[in-house]
Amino acid sequence: MKQTKNSVLVLGAIIGLAATAMPTYARSCNGNEVIGNYGFVGSRPLFPGVAITPPGTAGTAALSTLIQNANSSSPFFTVGVLGFDNAGNVIASSTAGLLNTPVGTYQLNQDCSISVKLNDAFATSSASSTGATTAGQSAASASFEGVLLDGGNEIDLVQSGSLNPSTTQSGTVVTPTENAAAASPNAAETSPTGTTVILKRTVQFTGCTNTNLNGSFGLVGSGASGISGSPALLSLLGRMVSNGSGQIVLDPVGSSSPLVGLQLSGTYAVNSDCTGTATLSAPNNQSRTIQFVLVNSRPAATGGLQSGAAVEIDFVLSGSDVLGSGVAKQQ
């Protein structure tokens, strides 16, 4: 009986050692996870910025806005759409339509980390009547590193490496702090420039309309107003019901709520690339304009393309004297 007990103890010890030595295997990426259109929100937090000359040549497309601001030092928020082709190429459009212009490259690694290089393919020179970049100038670019989340439904990036504004005839003023970004391009703790880009798959590849925005949403956001003078922090909180036809309406449930002040009304318009604009009004007659992109709030059950997931509205505040961002999710 004693021998049996000892045998059991020895066997238990062996199993314990085997369990301790067993390696832990994390998820790996096979290279097929990044495909489709992704709505992005690019931003730099609201900290005291240092004004610099904008980087030379820049287009008016969302991508141009992102790269131009990424190469500055001031706070910013912007939205747009980028396409990833599952072959290492990034595409975009100069308008809110079909993505058809190569604007960069990406590399997805087995550990699901990713590097992205974006070029302002829509940059034009104000001195050129043809719209072409003037000789001696080059379009701005920006490099990013990040990780995939939710099976490729989301990509979180931070700007890496040194700032790369376009080369201009008048020159661009860049602070020593910004030039120091190249000293530690792989620093994990922070983005050297403070720029982050959060991408999520759009609700569909293309052909979005007002009908894609339908139902009740809870909205929350934050930012600052009066940024050209004396900035004041602001917050957004509310409930909105979109009718699928371009209107944000006050429904019977909201009108009878004890917190009727949170019920929003207004109008919206969705573009074919799933970006859009909206004007939100509160019962106290205060209103805000937002620019948004409709994305999947969670991956589809198969972890695949744009289908089978709830709609999320990722937005930034729009206006000459306001900065901020937020999200609205289906209730």
C-alpha atoms as a PDB file:
ATOM      1  CA  MET A   1       0.000   0.000   0.000  1.00  0.00           C
ATOM      2  CA  LYS A   2       2.875   2.333   0.840  1.00  0.00           C
ATOM      3  CA  GLN A   3       4.532   1.543  -2.502  1.00  0.00           C
ATOM      4  CA  THR A   4       1.331   2.467  -4.385  1.00  0.00           C
ATOM      5  CA  LYS A   5       1.100   5.784  -2.575  1.00  0.00           C
ATOM      6  CA  ASN A   6       4.703   6.622  -3.452  1.00  0.00           C
ATOM      7  CA  SER A   7       4.075   5.728  -7.080  1.00  0.00           C
ATOM      8  CA  VAL A   8       1.126   8.097  -7.161  1.00  0.00           C
ATOM      9  CA  LEU A   9       3.224  10.866  -5.641  1.00  0.00           C
ATOM     10  CA  VAL A  10       6.010  10.342  -8.217  1.00  0.00           C
ATOM     11  CA  LEU A  11       3.520  10.290 -11.084  1.00  0.00           C
ATOM     12  CA  GLY A  12       1.934  13.525  -9.810  1.00  0.00           C
ATOM     13  CA  ALA A  13       5.327  15.198  -9.651  1.00  0.00           C
ATOM     14  CA  ILE A  14       6.104  14.188 -13.230  1.00  0.00           C
ATOM     15  CA  ILE A  15       2.775  15.563 -14.472  1.00  0.00           C
ATOM     16  CA  GLY A  16       3.394  18.805 -12.563  1.00  0.00           C
ATOM     17  CA  LEU A  17       6.808  19.224 -14.160  1.00  0.00           C
ATOM     18  CA  ALA A  18       5.385  18.552 -17.594  1.00  0.00           C
ATOM     19  CA  ALA A  19       2.677  21.162 -17.067  1.00  0.00           C
ATOM     20  CA  THR A  20       5.239  23.697 -15.896  1.00  0.00           C
ATOM     21  CA  ALA A  21       7.484  23.103 -18.879  1.00  0.00           C
ATOM     22  CA  MET A  22       4.673  23.255 -21.454  1.00  0.00           C
ATOM     23  CA  PRO A  23       5.135  26.396 -23.606  1.00  0.00           C
ATOM     24  CA  THR A  24       2.322  28.884 -24.137  1.00  0.00           C
ATOM     25  CA  TYR A  25       1.393  29.427 -27.777  1.00  0.00           C
ATOM     26  CA  ALA A  26      -0.094  32.793 -28.648  1.00  0.00           C
ATOM     27  CA  ARG A  27      -2.118  33.600 -31.725  1.00  0.00           C
ATOM     28  CA  SER A  28      -0.074  33.993 -34.899  1.00  0.00           C
ATOM     29  CA  CYS A  29      -0.935  35.674 -38.196  1.00  0.00           C
ATOM     30  CA  ASN A  30      -0.583  33.915 -41.545  1.00  0.00           C
ATOM     31  CA  GLY A  31      -0.659  37.070 -43.689  1.00  0.00           C
ATOM     32  CA  ASN A  32      -4.274  36.811 -44.819  1.00  0.00           C
ATOM     33  CA  GLU A  33      -5.858  38.779 -42.001  1.00  0.00           C
ATOM     34  CA  VAL A  34      -5.403  42.275 -43.444  1.00  0.00           C
ATOM     35  CA  ILE A  35      -7.750  42.704 -46.376  1.00  0.00           C
ATOM     36  CA  GLY A  36     -10.577  45.106 -47.151  1.00  0.00           C
ATOM     37  CA  ASN A  37     -11.411  48.708 -46.366  1.00  0.00           C
ATOM     38  CA  TYR A  38     -10.652  50.173 -42.956  1.00  0.00           C
ATOM     39  CA  GLY A  39     -12.035  53.375 -41.529  1.00  0.00           C
ATOM     40  CA  PHE A  40      -9.426  55.275 -39.571  1.00  0.00           C
ATOM     41  CA  VAL A  41      -9.276  57.916 -36.886  1.00  0.00           C
ATOM     42  CA  GLY A  42      -5.879  59.588 -36.750  1.00  0.00           C
ATOM     43  CA  SER A  43      -5.078  61.818 -33.811  1.00  0.00           C
ATOM     44  CA  ARG A  44      -2.572  63.475 -31.563  1.00  0.00           C
ATOM     45  CA  PRO A  45      -3.750  64.177 -27.993  1.00  0.00           C
ATOM     46  CA  LEU A  46      -4.739  67.606 -26.779  1.00  0.00           C
ATOM     47  CA  PHE A  47      -1.471  68.772 -25.302  1.00  0.00           C
ATOM     48  CA  PRO A  48       0.131  72.199 -25.764  1.00  0.00           C
ATOM     49  CA  GLY A  49       1.414  72.107 -29.336  1.00  0.00           C
ATOM     50  CA  VAL A  50       4.235  73.950 -31.001  1.00  0.00           C
ATOM     51  CA  ALA A  51       3.129  75.677 -34.203  1.00  0.00           C
ATOM     52  CA  ILE A  52       5.251  74.861 -37.230  1.00  0.00           C
ATOM     53  CA  THR A  53       5.017  75.560 -40.924  1.00  0.00           C
ATOM     54  CA  PRO A  54       2.792  72.958 -42.643  1.00  0.00           C
ATOM     55  CA  PRO A  55       4.749  70.392 -44.662  1.00  0.00           C
ATOM     56  CA  GLY A  56       5.003  71.912 -48.107  1.00  0.00           C
ATOM     57  CA  THR A  57       2.864  70.034 -50.593  1.00  0.00           C
ATOM     58  CA  ALA A  58      -0.356  68.461 -49.394  1.00  0.00           C
ATOM     59  CA  GLY A  59      -3.612  67.371 -50.943  1.00  0.00           C
ATOM     60  CA  THR A  60      -7.094  67.836 -49.540  1.00  0.00           C
ATOM     61  CA  ALA A  61      -7.865  64.103 -49.286  1.00  0.00           C
ATOM     62  CA  ALA A  62      -8.287  62.469 -45.869  1.00  0.00           C
ATOM     63  CA  LEU A  63      -4.953  60.708 -46.338  1.00  0.00           C
ATOM     64  CA  SER A  64      -3.249  64.034 -47.067  1.00  0.00           C
ATOM     65  CA  THR A  65      -4.744  65.512 -43.908  1.00  0.00           C
ATOM     66  CA  LEU A  66      -3.486  62.572 -41.861  1.00  0.00           C
ATOM     67  CA  ILE A  67       0.071  62.731 -43.195  1.00  0.00           C
ATOM     68  CA  GLN A  68       0.282  66.510 -43.022  1.00  0.00           C
ATOM     69  CA  ASN A  69      -0.814  66.520 -39.385  1.00  0.00           C
ATOM     70  CA  ALA A  70       1.345  63.542 -38.486  1.00  0.00           C
ATOM     71  CA  ASN A  71       4.357  65.582 -39.617  1.00  0.00           C
ATOM     72  CA  SER A  72       3.445  68.546 -37.431  1.00  0.00           C
ATOM     73  CA  SER A  73       3.495  68.892 -33.652  1.00  0.00           C
ATOM     74  CA  SER A  74       0.002  70.239 -32.973  1.00  0.00           C
ATOM     75  CA  PRO A  75      -3.048  68.298 -31.770  1.00  0.00           C
ATOM     76  CA  PHE A  76      -5.354  67.003 -34.501  1.00  0.00           C
ATOM     77  CA  PHE A  77      -8.194  64.561 -35.222  1.00  0.00           C
ATOM     78  CA  THR A  78      -9.138  63.277 -38.670  1.00  0.00           C
ATOM     79  CA  VAL A  79     -11.139  60.430 -40.231  1.00  0.00           C
ATOM     80  CA  GLY A  80     -10.936  58.594 -43.536  1.00  0.00           C
ATOM     81  CA  VAL A  81     -10.706  55.209 -45.239  1.00  0.00           C
ATOM     82  CA  LEU A  82      -7.738  53.103 -46.348  1.00  0.00           C
ATOM     83  CA  GLY A  83      -7.770  49.844 -48.281  1.00  0.00           C
ATOM     84  CA  PHE A  84      -5.459  46.867 -47.723  1.00  0.00           C
ATOM     85  CA  ASP A  85      -5.149  44.354 -50.580  1.00  0.00           C
ATOM     86  CA  ASN A  86      -3.724  41.295 -48.760  1.00  0.00           C
ATOM     87  CA  ALA A  87      -0.564  41.688 -50.851  1.00  0.00           C
ATOM     88  CA  GLY A  88       1.298  44.430 -48.986  1.00  0.00           C
ATOM     89  CA  ASN A  89      -0.236  47.459 -50.686  1.00  0.00           C
ATOM     90  CA  VAL A  90      -2.354  50.296 -49.266  1.00  0.00           C
ATOM     91  CA  ILE A  91      -4.838  52.184 -51.456  1.00  0.00           C
ATOM     92  CA  ALA A  92      -6.966  55.281 -50.968  1.00  0.00           C
ATOM     93  CA  SER A  93      -9.016  57.852 -52.872  1.00  0.00           C
ATOM     94  CA  SER A  94      -8.836  61.614 -53.174  1.00  0.00           C
ATOM     95  CA  THR A  95     -12.630  61.760 -52.843  1.00  0.00           C
ATOM     96  CA  ALA A  96     -15.277  59.894 -50.871  1.00  0.00           C
ATOM     97  CA  GLY A  97     -15.567  57.119 -53.419  1.00  0.00           C
ATOM     98  CA  LEU A  98     -13.902  53.992 -54.779  1.00  0.00           C
ATOM     99  CA  LEU A  99     -10.386  53.425 -53.438  1.00  0.00           C
ATOM    100  CA  ASN A 100      -8.168  53.204 -56.503  1.00  0.00           C
ATOM    101  CA  THR A 101      -4.837  54.953 -55.859  1.00  0.00           C
ATOM    102  CA  PRO A 102      -1.751  53.232 -54.366  1.00  0.00           C
ATOM    103  CA  VAL A 103      -0.621  55.292 -51.366  1.00  0.00           C
ATOM    104  CA  GLY A 104       1.745  53.034 -49.479  1.00  0.00           C
ATOM    105  CA  THR A 105       2.810  49.587 -48.339  1.00  0.00           C
ATOM    106  CA  TYR A 106       2.484  47.395 -45.289  1.00  0.00           C
ATOM    107  CA  GLN A 107       4.151  44.314 -43.828  1.00  0.00           C
ATOM    108  CA  LEU A 108       2.295  41.923 -41.547  1.00  0.00           C
ATOM    109  CA  ASN A 109       4.459  39.745 -39.303  1.00  0.00           C
ATOM    110  CA  GLN A 110       3.773  36.307 -37.850  1.00  0.00           C
ATOM    111  CA  ASP A 111       3.336  37.756 -34.363  1.00  0.00           C
ATOM    112  CA  CYS A 112       0.529  39.972 -35.757  1.00  0.00           C
ATOM    113  CA  SER A 113       2.630  43.107 -35.535  1.00  0.00           C
ATOM    114  CA  ILE A 114       2.492  45.345 -38.586  1.00  0.00           C
ATOM    115  CA  SER A 115       4.417  48.202 -40.164  1.00  0.00           C
ATOM    116  CA  VAL A 116       2.810  50.694 -42.557  1.00  0.00           C
ATOM    117  CA  LYS A 117       4.358  53.358 -44.800  1.00  0.00           C
ATOM    118  CA  LEU A 118       1.998  55.984 -46.251  1.00  0.00           C
ATOM    119  CA  ASN A 119       2.777  58.530 -48.974  1.00  0.00           C
ATOM    120  CA  ASP A 120       0.695  61.571 -49.846  1.00  0.00           C
ATOM    121  CA  ALA A 121      -0.088  60.538 -53.406  1.00  0.00           C
ATOM    122  CA  PHE A 122      -2.622  63.365 -53.671  1.00  0.00           C
ATOM    123  CA  ALA A 123      -0.213  66.186 -52.863  1.00  0.00           C
ATOM    124  CA  THR A 124      -0.283  69.157 -55.205  1.00  0.00           C
ATOM    125  CA  SER A 125       1.644  72.402 -55.316  1.00  0.00           C
ATOM    126  CA  SER A 126      -0.176  75.703 -54.945  1.00  0.00           C
ATOM    127  CA  ALA A 127       2.388  77.174 -57.340  1.00  0.00           C
ATOM    128  CA  SER A 128       1.486  74.733 -60.097  1.00  0.00           C
ATOM    129  CA  SER A 129      -1.494  75.333 -62.366  1.00  0.00           C
ATOM    130  CA  THR A 130      -1.369  71.725 -63.555  1.00  0.00           C
ATOM    131  CA  GLY A 131      -1.833  70.265 -60.096  1.00  0.00           C
ATOM    132  CA  ALA A 132       1.516  68.473 -60.279  1.00  0.00           C
ATOM    133  CA  THR A 133       4.133  68.676 -57.570  1.00  0.00           C
ATOM    134  CA  THR A 134       6.668  71.422 -58.320  1.00  0.00           C
ATOM    135  CA  ALA A 135      10.208  70.376 -59.221  1.00  0.00           C
ATOM    136  CA  GLY A 136      12.370  70.137 -56.121  1.00  0.00           C
ATOM    137  CA  GLN A 137       9.437  69.120 -53.961  1.00  0.00           C
ATOM    138  CA  SER A 138       8.433  65.677 -52.803  1.00  0.00           C
ATOM    139  CA  ALA A 139       5.199  64.533 -51.222  1.00  0.00           C
ATOM    140  CA  ALA A 140       5.159  64.022 -47.477  1.00  0.00           C
ATOM    141  CA  SER A 141       5.089  60.542 -45.980  1.00  0.00           C
ATOM    142  CA  ALA A 142       4.695  58.904 -42.589  1.00  0.00           C
ATOM    143  CA  SER A 143       5.653  55.540 -41.117  1.00  0.00           C
ATOM    144  CA  PHE A 144       3.738  53.588 -38.494  1.00  0.00           C
ATOM    145  CA  GLU A 145       4.074  50.439 -36.414  1.00  0.00           C
ATOM    146  CA  GLY A 146       1.335  48.582 -34.602  1.00  0.00           C
ATOM    147  CA  VAL A 147      -0.606  45.419 -33.900  1.00  0.00           C
ATOM    148  CA  LEU A 148      -3.658  43.593 -35.234  1.00  0.00           C
ATOM    149  CA  LEU A 149      -6.638  42.998 -32.964  1.00  0.00           C
ATOM    150  CA  ASP A 150      -9.835  40.947 -33.235  1.00  0.00           C
ATOM    151  CA  GLY A 151      -8.546  38.690 -35.986  1.00  0.00           C
ATOM    152  CA  GLY A 152      -7.700  41.621 -38.234  1.00  0.00           C
ATOM    153  CA  ASN A 153     -10.895  43.605 -37.685  1.00  0.00           C
ATOM    154  CA  GLU A 154      -8.854  46.355 -35.990  1.00  0.00           C
ATOM    155  CA  ILE A 155      -5.349  47.719 -36.517  1.00  0.00           C
ATOM    156  CA  ASP A 156      -3.831  50.039 -33.906  1.00  0.00           C
ATOM    157  CA  LEU A 157      -0.840  52.074 -35.068  1.00  0.00           C
ATOM    158  CA  VAL A 158       1.561  54.657 -33.664  1.00  0.00           C
ATOM    159  CA  GLN A 159       3.833  56.812 -35.765  1.00  0.00           C
ATOM    160  CA  SER A 160       7.411  55.565 -35.833  1.00  0.00           C
ATOM    161  CA  GLY A 161      10.756  56.786 -37.079  1.00  0.00           C
ATOM    162  CA  SER A 162      11.582  60.387 -37.868  1.00  0.00           C
ATOM    163  CA  LEU A 163       9.169  62.942 -39.221  1.00  0.00           C
ATOM    164  CA  ASN A 164       9.252  63.114 -43.007  1.00  0.00           C
ATOM    165  CA  PRO A 165       7.639  66.320 -44.244  1.00  0.00           C
ATOM    166  CA  SER A 166       7.941  67.193 -47.889  1.00  0.00           C
ATOM    167  CA  THR A 167      10.978  69.083 -49.090  1.00  0.00           C
ATOM    168  CA  THR A 168       9.907  72.605 -49.942  1.00  0.00           C
ATOM    169  CA  GLN A 169      11.627  75.577 -51.459  1.00  0.00           C
ATOM    170  CA  SER A 170      10.829  77.672 -48.403  1.00  0.00           C
ATOM    171  CA  GLY A 171      11.772  74.935 -45.942  1.00  0.00           C
ATOM    172  CA  THR A 172       9.876  73.479 -43.009  1.00  0.00           C
ATOM    173  CA  VAL A 173      10.546  74.360 -39.398  1.00  0.00           C
ATOM    174  CA  VAL A 174      10.792  71.232 -37.249  1.00  0.00           C
ATOM    175  CA  THR A 175      11.550  71.260 -33.548  1.00  0.00           C
ATOM    176  CA  PRO A 176      14.527  69.344 -32.093  1.00  0.00           C
ATOM    177  CA  THR A 177      12.073  67.147 -30.201  1.00  0.00           C
ATOM    178  CA  GLU A 178      10.548  66.001 -33.472  1.00  0.00           C
ATOM    179  CA  ASN A 179      13.938  65.307 -35.046  1.00  0.00           C
ATOM    180  CA  ALA A 180      14.789  63.172 -32.021  1.00  0.00           C
ATOM    181  CA  ALA A 181      12.026  60.763 -32.990  1.00  0.00           C
ATOM    182  CA  ALA A 182      14.511  58.825 -35.109  1.00  0.00           C
ATOM    183  CA  ALA A 183      16.618  58.017 -32.053  1.00  0.00           C
ATOM    184  CA  SER A 184      14.264  55.290 -30.858  1.00  0.00           C
ATOM    185  CA  PRO A 185      11.907  54.265 -33.661  1.00  0.00           C
ATOM    186  CA  ASN A 186      10.925  51.018 -31.926  1.00  0.00           C
ATOM    187  CA  ALA A 187      10.281  52.423 -28.460  1.00  0.00           C
ATOM    188  CA  ALA A 188       7.283  50.508 -27.141  1.00  0.00           C
ATOM    189  CA  GLU A 189       6.164  52.956 -24.473  1.00  0.00           C
ATOM    190  CA  THR A 190       5.040  55.879 -26.623  1.00  0.00           C
ATOM    191  CA  SER A 191       4.745  57.152 -30.145  1.00  0.00           C
ATOM    192  CA  PRO A 192       7.738  59.470 -30.755  1.00  0.00           C
ATOM    193  CA  THR A 193       5.416  62.040 -32.313  1.00  0.00           C
ATOM    194  CA  GLY A 194       2.274  61.328 -30.302  1.00  0.00           C
ATOM    195  CA  THR A 195       0.329  60.335 -33.441  1.00  0.00           C
ATOM    196  CA  THR A 196      -1.948  57.297 -33.272  1.00  0.00           C
ATOM    197  CA  VAL A 197      -4.119  55.782 -36.005  1.00  0.00           C
ATOM    198  CA  ILE A 198      -6.926  53.378 -35.118  1.00  0.00           C
ATOM    199  CA  LEU A 199      -8.347  51.449 -38.071  1.00  0.00           C
ATOM    200  CA  LYS A 200     -11.449  49.249 -38.104  1.00  0.00           C
ATOM    201  CA  ARG A 201     -13.077  47.460 -41.010  1.00  0.00           C
ATOM    202  CA  THR A 202     -15.840  49.479 -42.613  1.00  0.00           C
ATOM    203  CA  VAL A 203     -19.346  48.038 -42.516  1.00  0.00           C
ATOM    204  CA  GLN A 204     -18.979  47.117 -46.191  1.00  0.00           C
ATOM    205  CA  PHE A 205     -16.407  47.505 -48.968  1.00  0.00           C
ATOM    206  CA  THR A 206     -18.273  50.195 -50.862  1.00  0.00           C
ATOM    207  CA  GLY A 207     -21.768  51.327 -51.730  1.00  0.00           C
ATOM    208  CA  CYS A 208     -22.652  52.645 -48.278  1.00  0.00           C
ATOM    209  CA  THR A 209     -25.778  54.830 -48.130  1.00  0.00           C
ATOM    210  CA  ASN A 210     -27.898  56.491 -45.471  1.00  0.00           C
ATOM    211  CA  THR A 211     -29.632  53.151 -44.895  1.00  0.00           C
ATOM    212  CA  ASN A 212     -26.436  51.792 -43.310  1.00  0.00           C
ATOM    213  CA  LEU A 213     -26.993  54.146 -40.393  1.00  0.00           C
ATOM    214  CA  ASN A 214     -30.238  53.029 -38.834  1.00  0.00           C
ATOM    215  CA  GLY A 215     -31.268  52.500 -35.202  1.00  0.00           C
ATOM    216  CA  SER A 216     -30.473  53.845 -31.766  1.00  0.00           C
ATOM    217  CA  PHE A 217     -26.932  54.672 -30.676  1.00  0.00           C
ATOM    218  CA  GLY A 218     -25.266  55.814 -27.489  1.00  0.00           C
ATOM    219  CA  LEU A 219     -22.707  58.528 -28.166  1.00  0.00           C
ATOM    220  CA  VAL A 220     -19.770  59.750 -26.103  1.00  0.00           C
ATOM    221  CA  GLY A 221     -16.883  62.051 -27.007  1.00  0.00           C
ATOM    222  CA  SER A 222     -14.524  64.703 -25.720  1.00  0.00           C
ATOM    223  CA  GLY A 223     -12.366  67.535 -26.971  1.00  0.00           C
ATOM    224  CA  ALA A 224     -11.834  71.259 -26.713  1.00  0.00           C
ATOM    225  CA  SER A 225     -13.389  74.386 -28.174  1.00  0.00           C
ATOM    226  CA  GLY A 226     -11.937  77.861 -28.623  1.00  0.00           C
ATOM    227  CA  ILE A 227      -8.621  76.335 -29.645  1.00  0.00           C
ATOM    228  CA  SER A 228      -7.509  79.471 -31.498  1.00  0.00           C
ATOM    229  CA  GLY A 229      -7.801  81.581 -28.354  1.00  0.00           C
ATOM    230  CA  SER A 230      -8.597  80.281 -24.877  1.00  0.00           C
ATOM    231  CA  PRO A 231      -9.322  76.541 -25.190  1.00  0.00           C
ATOM    232  CA  ALA A 232     -12.055  75.058 -23.021  1.00  0.00           C
ATOM    233  CA  LEU A 233     -12.577  71.343 -22.547  1.00  0.00           C
ATOM    234  CA  LEU A 234     -15.878  69.882 -23.716  1.00  0.00           C
ATOM    235  CA  SER A 235     -17.609  66.534 -23.507  1.00  0.00           C
ATOM    236  CA  LEU A 236     -20.335  64.940 -25.592  1.00  0.00           C
ATOM    237  CA  LEU A 237     -22.893  62.490 -24.294  1.00  0.00           C
ATOM    238  CA  GLY A 238     -26.195  61.551 -25.792  1.00  0.00           C
ATOM    239  CA  ARG A 239     -28.569  59.114 -27.452  1.00  0.00           C
ATOM    240  CA  MET A 240     -29.366  59.347 -31.135  1.00  0.00           C
ATOM    241  CA  VAL A 241     -31.884  57.493 -33.296  1.00  0.00           C
ATOM    242  CA  SER A 242     -31.180  57.504 -37.029  1.00  0.00           C
ATOM    243  CA  ASN A 243     -34.026  56.611 -39.385  1.00  0.00           C
ATOM    244  CA  GLY A 244     -31.978  55.292 -42.314  1.00  0.00           C
ATOM    245  CA  SER A 245     -33.032  58.266 -44.452  1.00  0.00           C
ATOM    246  CA  GLY A 246     -30.662  60.987 -43.308  1.00  0.00           C
ATOM    247  CA  GLN A 247     -32.512  62.166 -40.205  1.00  0.00           C
ATOM    248  CA  ILE A 248     -31.772  61.820 -36.502  1.00  0.00           C
ATOM    249  CA  VAL A 249     -35.139  61.797 -34.803  1.00  0.00           C
ATOM    250  CA  LEU A 250     -36.605  62.000 -31.318  1.00  0.00           C
ATOM    251  CA  ASP A 251     -38.467  58.735 -30.760  1.00  0.00           C
ATOM    252  CA  PRO A 252     -41.249  58.118 -28.185  1.00  0.00           C
ATOM    253  CA  VAL A 253     -38.866  56.273 -25.868  1.00  0.00           C
ATOM    254  CA  GLY A 254     -36.435  59.190 -25.836  1.00  0.00           C
ATOM    255  CA  SER A 255     -39.094  61.881 -25.491  1.00  0.00           C
ATOM    256  CA  SER A 256     -40.448  60.196 -22.339  1.00  0.00           C
ATOM    257  CA  SER A 257     -37.009  59.684 -20.774  1.00  0.00           C
ATOM    258  CA  PRO A 258     -36.196  61.374 -17.437  1.00  0.00           C
ATOM    259  CA  LEU A 259     -32.948  62.406 -19.155  1.00  0.00           C
ATOM    260  CA  VAL A 260     -34.582  64.025 -22.137  1.00  0.00           C
ATOM    261  CA  GLY A 261     -31.651  66.429 -22.336  1.00  0.00           C
ATOM    262  CA  LEU A 262     -29.523  63.582 -23.686  1.00  0.00           C
ATOM    263  CA  GLN A 263     -31.763  63.009 -26.699  1.00  0.00           C
ATOM    264  CA  LEU A 264     -30.165  64.252 -29.911  1.00  0.00           C
ATOM    265  CA  SER A 265     -31.735  65.250 -33.201  1.00  0.00           C
ATOM    266  CA  GLY A 266     -30.322  66.396 -36.529  1.00  0.00           C
ATOM    267  CA  THR A 267     -29.346  65.230 -39.986  1.00  0.00           C
ATOM    268  CA  TYR A 268     -26.660  63.053 -41.518  1.00  0.00           C
ATOM    269  CA  ALA A 269     -25.305  61.988 -44.909  1.00  0.00           C
ATOM    270  CA  VAL A 270     -23.348  58.788 -45.628  1.00  0.00           C
ATOM    271  CA  ASN A 271     -20.922  58.593 -48.558  1.00  0.00           C
ATOM    272  CA  SER A 272     -20.336  55.504 -50.678  1.00  0.00           C
ATOM    273  CA  ASP A 273     -17.006  54.792 -48.906  1.00  0.00           C
ATOM    274  CA  CYS A 274     -18.848  54.695 -45.547  1.00  0.00           C
ATOM    275  CA  THR A 275     -17.596  58.098 -44.376  1.00  0.00           C
ATOM    276  CA  GLY A 276     -20.098  60.844 -43.686  1.00  0.00           C
ATOM    277  CA  THR A 277     -21.087  64.009 -41.857  1.00  0.00           C
ATOM    278  CA  ALA A 278     -23.766  64.777 -39.308  1.00  0.00           C
ATOM    279  CA  THR A 279     -25.134  67.728 -37.376  1.00  0.00           C
ATOM    280  CA  LEU A 280     -26.238  66.861 -33.854  1.00  0.00           C
ATOM    281  CA  SER A 281     -28.522  69.135 -31.849  1.00  0.00           C
ATOM    282  CA  ALA A 282     -29.451  68.883 -28.177  1.00  0.00           C
ATOM    283  CA  PRO A 283     -32.726  70.105 -26.656  1.00  0.00           C
ATOM    284  CA  ASN A 284     -30.896  73.181 -25.308  1.00  0.00           C
ATOM    285  CA  ASN A 285     -30.235  74.211 -28.951  1.00  0.00           C
ATOM    286  CA  GLN A 286     -26.520  73.505 -28.765  1.00  0.00           C
ATOM    287  CA  SER A 287     -25.245  71.699 -31.836  1.00  0.00           C
ATOM    288  CA  ARG A 288     -22.064  70.080 -33.128  1.00  0.00           C
ATOM    289  CA  THR A 289     -20.990  68.921 -36.563  1.00  0.00           C
ATOM    290  CA  ILE A 290     -19.086  65.680 -36.838  1.00  0.00           C
ATOM    291  CA  GLN A 291     -17.240  63.783 -39.560  1.00  0.00           C
ATOM    292  CA  PHE A 292     -17.493  60.021 -39.196  1.00  0.00           C
ATOM    293  CA  VAL A 293     -16.833  56.605 -40.656  1.00  0.00           C
ATOM    294  CA  LEU A 294     -19.093  53.559 -40.218  1.00  0.00           C
ATOM    295  CA  VAL A 295     -17.119  50.551 -39.016  1.00  0.00           C
ATOM    296  CA  ASN A 296     -17.677  47.099 -37.573  1.00  0.00           C
ATOM    297  CA  SER A 297     -17.837  47.281 -33.798  1.00  0.00           C
ATOM    298  CA  ARG A 298     -16.759  43.649 -33.587  1.00  0.00           C
ATOM    299  CA  PRO A 299     -15.502  41.100 -36.118  1.00  0.00           C
ATOM    300  CA  ALA A 300     -17.879  38.813 -37.946  1.00  0.00           C
ATOM    301  CA  ALA A 301     -18.342  35.336 -36.492  1.00  0.00           C
ATOM    302  CA  THR A 302     -16.003  33.897 -39.117  1.00  0.00           C
ATOM    303  CA  GLY A 303     -13.335  36.523 -38.450  1.00  0.00           C
ATOM    304  CA  GLY A 304     -13.527  37.380 -42.121  1.00  0.00           C
ATOM    305  CA  LEU A 305     -14.647  40.287 -44.268  1.00  0.00           C
ATOM    306  CA  GLN A 306     -17.079  43.140 -43.698  1.00  0.00           C
ATOM    307  CA  SER A 307     -20.260  41.295 -42.752  1.00  0.00           C
ATOM    308  CA  GLY A 308     -22.275  40.124 -39.792  1.00  0.00           C
ATOM    309  CA  ALA A 309     -21.205  42.744 -37.257  1.00  0.00           C
ATOM    310  CA  ALA A 310     -22.823  45.667 -35.483  1.00  0.00           C
ATOM    311  CA  VAL A 311     -22.363  49.231 -36.738  1.00  0.00           C
ATOM    312  CA  GLU A 312     -20.121  51.650 -34.865  1.00  0.00           C
ATOM    313  CA  ILE A 313     -19.731  55.345 -35.626  1.00  0.00           C
ATOM    314  CA  ASP A 314     -16.176  56.610 -35.136  1.00  0.00           C
ATOM    315  CA  PHE A 315     -16.168  60.393 -35.410  1.00  0.00           C
ATOM    316  CA  VAL A 316     -14.199  63.598 -35.008  1.00  0.00           C
ATOM    317  CA  LEU A 317     -15.562  67.052 -34.278  1.00  0.00           C
ATOM    318  CA  SER A 318     -15.690  69.317 -37.307  1.00  0.00           C
ATOM    319  CA  GLY A 319     -15.164  73.073 -37.177  1.00  0.00           C
ATOM    320  CA  SER A 320     -12.486  75.731 -37.408  1.00  0.00           C
ATOM    321  CA  ASP A 321     -12.225  76.268 -33.652  1.00  0.00           C
ATOM    322  CA  VAL A 322     -12.834  72.828 -32.170  1.00  0.00           C
ATOM    323  CA  LEU A 323     -10.945  69.549 -31.804  1.00  0.00           C
ATOM    324  CA  GLY A 324     -12.122  66.224 -30.462  1.00  0.00           C
ATOM    325  CA  SER A 325     -13.306  62.715 -31.182  1.00  0.00           C
ATOM    326  CA  GLY A 326     -15.692  60.062 -29.976  1.00  0.00           C
ATOM    327  CA  VAL A 327     -17.659  56.946 -30.725  1.00  0.00           C
ATOM    328  CA  ALA A 328     -21.330  55.980 -31.009  1.00  0.00           C
ATOM    329  CA  LYS A 329     -22.337  52.343 -30.605  1.00  0.00           C
ATOM    330  CA  GLN A 330     -25.604  50.563 -31.193  1.00  0.00           C
ATOM    331  CA  GLN A 331     -27.705  50.109 -28.113  1.00  0.00           C
END
